[in-house]
Amino acid sequence: MSTRILIIEDDREMSRLLQLDLQRNGYEALIAGNGLEGLRLFHDSRPDLVVLDVAMPLMDGMTVCQRIRELSDVPILMMTAHAVTEEEIAQGLDLGADEFMLKPLRKIEFQARVKALLRRAKAVESSEEDAVHGYHDDYLSVDLDARRVQVSGAEVRLTPTEFRLLATFIKRRGQVLTFQQLLEQVWGFEYTREHHYPRIYVSHLRRKIEPDFKAPTYIQNEYGIGYRFTGQTAR
């Protein structure tokens, strides 16, 4: 069964070019011309990845992203016609986006990001890594096998990228992970130049799991180097 990708984009020429490019690379690509149509097609087709424009009529991409994330952990790649600020990335992460790209999309980079997102979502960990199944204390509970995260007993939804980031920290508990190591292990070799990614995504992950994200308990800074995951008693 081929991998199914849903493109939600109101520019017909762009959506058609993306569709053809994806099909040439072996994917099944579906097109929706606006946010409402995109949501309907998402419900009907259950795609493996969504490519979503930010600015659209009827329903903007941020709202569509939020609606999709309420139902599914499918990877979401958002497209925007203007440079993305860190604040906009943070807003997108709040709503459940995994990635942002600037239009017009360059074919090679677009295909690399699509592959990386799909790989992240379906990653199979090595047997050595499988020896660590989670982390649990009175406040934070993470079941890596079931992909469940609870904070003070309440379920917390993470995007595939956020979950992979947290899983990487837990499996390397106590170790300092450099920015480069995080980029390679969480995002993939396609992202080795995106030096701002770990800082932005760690900051957002802290907002979801820390008792006080301004004074983090679990994800500690190693200034100028990277981060270290600490905690109470894990099992």
Protein backbone atom coordinates (compact mmCIF):
# COMPACT_ATOMS: atom_id res chain seq x y z
CA MET A 1 0.00 0.00 0.00
CA SER A 2 1.47 3.34 -1.08
CA THR A 3 2.01 6.23 1.31
CA ARG A 4 -0.84 8.73 1.03
CA ILE A 5 -0.19 12.47 1.25
CA LEU A 6 -2.91 15.13 1.38
CA ILE A 7 -2.13 18.59 -0.07
CA ILE A 8 -4.38 21.40 1.16
CA GLU A 9 -3.57 24.46 -0.95
CA ASP A 10 -5.79 27.04 -2.68
CA ASP A 11 -3.23 27.77 -5.44
CA ARG A 12 -4.24 25.20 -8.06
CA GLU A 13 -1.00 25.43 -10.02
CA MET A 14 1.15 24.91 -6.95
CA SER A 15 -0.96 22.05 -5.61
CA ARG A 16 -0.85 20.31 -9.00
CA LEU A 17 2.95 20.69 -9.22
CA LEU A 18 3.33 19.27 -5.71
CA GLN A 19 1.00 16.42 -6.56
CA LEU A 20 2.97 15.50 -9.70
CA ASP A 21 6.26 15.72 -7.83
CA LEU A 22 5.00 13.44 -5.06
CA GLN A 23 3.55 10.97 -7.54
CA ARG A 24 6.86 10.82 -9.42
CA ASN A 25 8.45 9.82 -6.13
CA GLY A 26 6.02 6.98 -5.53
CA TYR A 27 3.46 8.59 -3.24
CA GLU A 28 -0.30 8.74 -3.60
CA ALA A 29 -1.12 12.47 -3.54
CA LEU A 30 -4.58 13.96 -2.97
CA ILE A 31 -5.53 17.63 -3.42
CA ALA A 32 -7.97 19.90 -1.56
CA GLY A 33 -8.49 23.50 -2.67
CA ASN A 34 -9.46 25.02 0.69
CA GLY A 35 -9.51 24.28 4.40
CA LEU A 36 -13.05 22.92 4.61
CA GLU A 37 -12.53 20.61 1.65
CA GLY A 38 -9.23 19.58 3.16
CA LEU A 39 -10.84 18.53 6.43
CA ARG A 40 -13.48 16.51 4.60
CA LEU A 41 -10.84 14.78 2.50
CA PHE A 42 -8.74 14.15 5.58
CA HIS A 43 -11.65 12.35 7.25
CA ASP A 44 -12.31 10.29 4.13
CA SER A 45 -8.75 9.40 3.13
CA ARG A 46 -6.81 9.20 6.43
CA PRO A 47 -3.48 10.26 4.89
CA ASP A 48 -0.02 9.47 6.22
CA LEU A 49 1.08 13.12 5.97
CA VAL A 50 -0.59 16.49 5.39
CA VAL A 51 0.98 19.36 3.42
CA LEU A 52 -0.95 22.44 4.48
CA ASP A 53 -0.92 26.07 3.31
CA VAL A 54 -1.19 28.70 6.04
CA ALA A 55 -3.22 31.35 4.16
CA MET A 56 -6.42 29.98 2.61
CA PRO A 57 -10.04 31.09 2.13
CA LEU A 58 -12.98 29.69 4.15
CA MET A 59 -10.71 28.24 6.82
CA ASP A 60 -7.06 29.20 7.35
CA GLY A 61 -4.30 26.65 7.68
CA MET A 62 -3.74 27.20 11.40
CA THR A 63 -7.37 26.33 12.12
CA VAL A 64 -7.20 23.29 9.85
CA CYS A 65 -4.03 22.18 11.63
CA GLN A 66 -5.75 22.47 15.00
CA ARG A 67 -8.79 20.48 13.81
CA ILE A 68 -6.61 17.71 12.36
CA ARG A 69 -4.53 17.51 15.51
CA GLU A 70 -7.65 17.02 17.61
CA LEU A 71 -8.21 13.77 15.71
CA SER A 72 -4.82 12.47 14.67
CA ASP A 73 -1.05 12.50 15.22
CA VAL A 74 -0.39 12.51 11.47
CA PRO A 75 2.67 14.63 10.54
CA ILE A 76 1.74 18.13 9.30
CA LEU A 77 4.04 20.16 7.05
CA MET A 78 2.89 23.77 6.83
CA MET A 79 3.70 26.09 3.91
CA THR A 80 3.87 29.86 4.08
CA ALA A 81 4.57 32.57 1.51
CA HIS A 82 6.55 34.77 3.91
CA ALA A 83 9.51 34.26 6.21
CA VAL A 84 8.50 32.44 9.38
CA THR A 85 9.39 34.07 12.69
CA GLU A 86 10.07 32.07 15.83
CA GLU A 87 6.77 33.37 17.22
CA GLU A 88 4.90 31.96 14.21
CA ILE A 89 6.68 28.63 14.57
CA ALA A 90 5.70 28.59 18.24
CA GLN A 91 2.08 29.34 17.30
CA GLY A 92 2.10 26.52 14.76
CA LEU A 93 3.60 24.14 17.31
CA ASP A 94 0.89 25.13 19.77
CA LEU A 95 -1.67 24.02 17.21
CA GLY A 96 0.18 20.81 16.34
CA ALA A 97 2.32 21.52 13.26
CA ASP A 98 5.53 19.54 12.83
CA GLU A 99 7.32 21.60 10.22
CA PHE A 100 7.29 24.86 8.25
CA MET A 101 8.57 25.54 4.75
CA LEU A 102 8.79 28.77 2.79
CA LYS A 103 7.09 29.00 -0.60
CA PRO A 104 7.96 28.53 -3.38
CA LEU A 105 9.09 25.07 -2.31
CA ARG A 106 12.31 23.74 -3.77
CA LYS A 107 11.75 20.19 -5.04
CA ILE A 108 14.81 18.56 -3.52
CA GLU A 109 14.30 20.17 -0.11
CA PHE A 110 10.56 19.44 -0.18
CA GLN A 111 11.13 15.74 -0.90
CA ALA A 112 13.80 15.56 1.81
CA ARG A 113 11.44 17.08 4.39
CA VAL A 114 8.59 14.77 3.38
CA LYS A 115 10.83 11.71 3.75
CA ALA A 116 12.15 12.94 7.09
CA LEU A 117 8.66 13.56 8.50
CA LEU A 118 7.42 10.14 7.39
CA ARG A 119 10.55 8.49 8.76
CA ARG A 120 10.13 10.25 12.11
CA ALA A 121 6.49 9.21 12.37
CA LYS A 122 7.23 5.57 11.58
CA ALA A 123 10.66 5.24 13.15
CA VAL A 124 11.51 1.80 14.45
CA GLU A 125 13.97 2.01 17.32
CA SER A 126 16.93 -0.33 17.65
CA SER A 127 16.82 -3.23 20.12
CA GLU A 128 19.29 -1.38 22.35
CA GLU A 129 17.03 1.63 22.52
CA ASP A 130 14.02 -0.59 23.14
CA ALA A 131 15.53 -1.50 26.53
CA VAL A 132 14.17 1.85 27.77
CA HIS A 133 10.38 1.80 27.77
CA GLY A 134 9.55 5.10 29.43
CA TYR A 135 9.88 7.40 32.37
CA HIS A 136 7.59 7.68 35.42
CA ASP A 137 7.45 9.80 38.54
CA ASP A 138 4.67 11.42 40.56
CA TYR A 139 4.33 14.27 38.05
CA LEU A 140 5.43 13.02 34.61
CA SER A 141 4.63 9.65 33.06
CA VAL A 142 5.87 8.65 29.59
CA ASP A 143 5.10 5.26 28.03
CA LEU A 144 7.28 5.02 24.92
CA ASP A 145 5.71 1.77 23.72
CA ALA A 146 2.14 3.11 23.92
CA ARG A 147 3.25 6.63 22.89
CA ARG A 148 1.38 8.14 25.85
CA VAL A 149 2.40 11.13 27.95
CA GLN A 150 0.67 12.19 31.16
CA VAL A 151 1.29 15.23 33.31
CA SER A 152 -0.27 15.12 36.79
CA GLY A 153 -2.46 12.27 35.54
CA ALA A 154 -3.82 14.21 32.55
CA GLU A 155 -3.12 13.08 29.00
CA VAL A 156 -0.86 15.42 26.99
CA ARG A 157 -0.86 15.25 23.21
CA LEU A 158 2.48 15.60 21.48
CA THR A 159 3.16 15.86 17.77
CA PRO A 160 5.31 13.07 16.26
CA THR A 161 8.32 15.39 16.34
CA GLU A 162 7.74 16.44 19.95
CA PHE A 163 7.33 12.81 21.01
CA ARG A 164 10.50 11.77 19.23
CA LEU A 165 12.37 14.62 20.91
CA LEU A 166 11.12 13.59 24.36
CA ALA A 167 11.83 9.90 23.64
CA THR A 168 15.39 10.77 22.62
CA PHE A 169 15.92 12.63 25.90
CA ILE A 170 14.48 9.78 27.97
CA LYS A 171 16.55 7.11 26.24
CA ARG A 172 19.68 9.18 26.86
CA ARG A 173 18.73 10.21 30.39
CA GLY A 174 21.56 11.95 32.20
CA GLN A 175 23.61 12.44 29.03
CA VAL A 176 24.31 15.81 27.48
CA LEU A 177 22.92 15.84 23.94
CA THR A 178 24.49 18.48 21.73
CA PHE A 179 22.43 20.57 19.34
CA GLN A 180 23.97 18.64 16.44
CA GLN A 181 23.15 15.27 18.01
CA LEU A 182 19.53 16.33 18.52
CA LEU A 183 19.23 17.51 14.92
CA GLU A 184 20.60 14.22 13.62
CA GLN A 185 18.69 11.92 15.99
CA VAL A 186 15.32 13.71 16.05
CA TRP A 187 15.02 15.52 12.74
CA GLY A 188 17.50 13.71 10.52
CA PHE A 189 20.51 14.62 8.39
CA GLU A 190 18.30 16.88 6.24
CA TYR A 191 18.13 19.36 9.13
CA THR A 192 21.76 19.68 10.21
CA ARG A 193 21.82 23.38 9.30
CA GLU A 194 18.64 24.24 11.23
CA HIS A 195 20.54 25.18 14.38
CA HIS A 196 17.57 27.07 15.86
CA TYR A 197 15.28 24.02 15.81
CA PRO A 198 16.37 22.36 19.09
CA ARG A 199 16.00 25.60 21.03
CA ILE A 200 12.52 26.36 19.65
CA TYR A 201 11.17 22.82 20.00
CA VAL A 202 12.69 22.24 23.45
CA SER A 203 11.13 25.49 24.63
CA HIS A 204 7.74 24.36 23.36
CA LEU A 205 8.10 20.84 24.79
CA ARG A 206 8.90 22.35 28.19
CA ARG A 207 5.62 24.26 28.10
CA LYS A 208 3.80 20.94 27.81
CA ILE A 209 5.64 18.80 30.36
CA GLU A 210 7.41 21.03 32.90
CA PRO A 211 5.81 22.16 36.19
CA ASP A 212 7.35 25.58 35.47
CA PHE A 213 8.76 25.95 31.96
CA LYS A 214 10.74 29.04 33.04
CA ALA A 215 12.56 26.98 35.67
CA PRO A 216 12.69 23.54 34.00
CA THR A 217 12.97 20.40 36.12
CA TYR A 218 13.39 17.77 33.41
CA ILE A 219 15.14 19.28 30.38
CA GLN A 220 18.20 21.13 31.64
CA ASN A 221 20.32 23.55 29.60
CA GLU A 222 24.00 22.87 29.05
CA TYR A 223 24.77 26.37 27.88
CA GLY A 224 26.44 26.56 24.51
CA ILE A 225 26.40 22.76 24.16
CA GLY A 226 22.88 21.31 24.28
CA TYR A 227 20.48 19.76 26.80
CA ARG A 228 20.29 17.02 29.41
CA PHE A 229 17.18 15.14 30.62
CA THR A 230 17.04 14.64 34.38
CA GLY A 231 14.27 13.63 36.73
CA GLN A 232 13.30 11.72 39.82
CA THR A 233 13.01 7.94 39.80
CA ALA A 234 12.48 6.28 36.44
CA ARG A 235 11.49 2.72 35.73
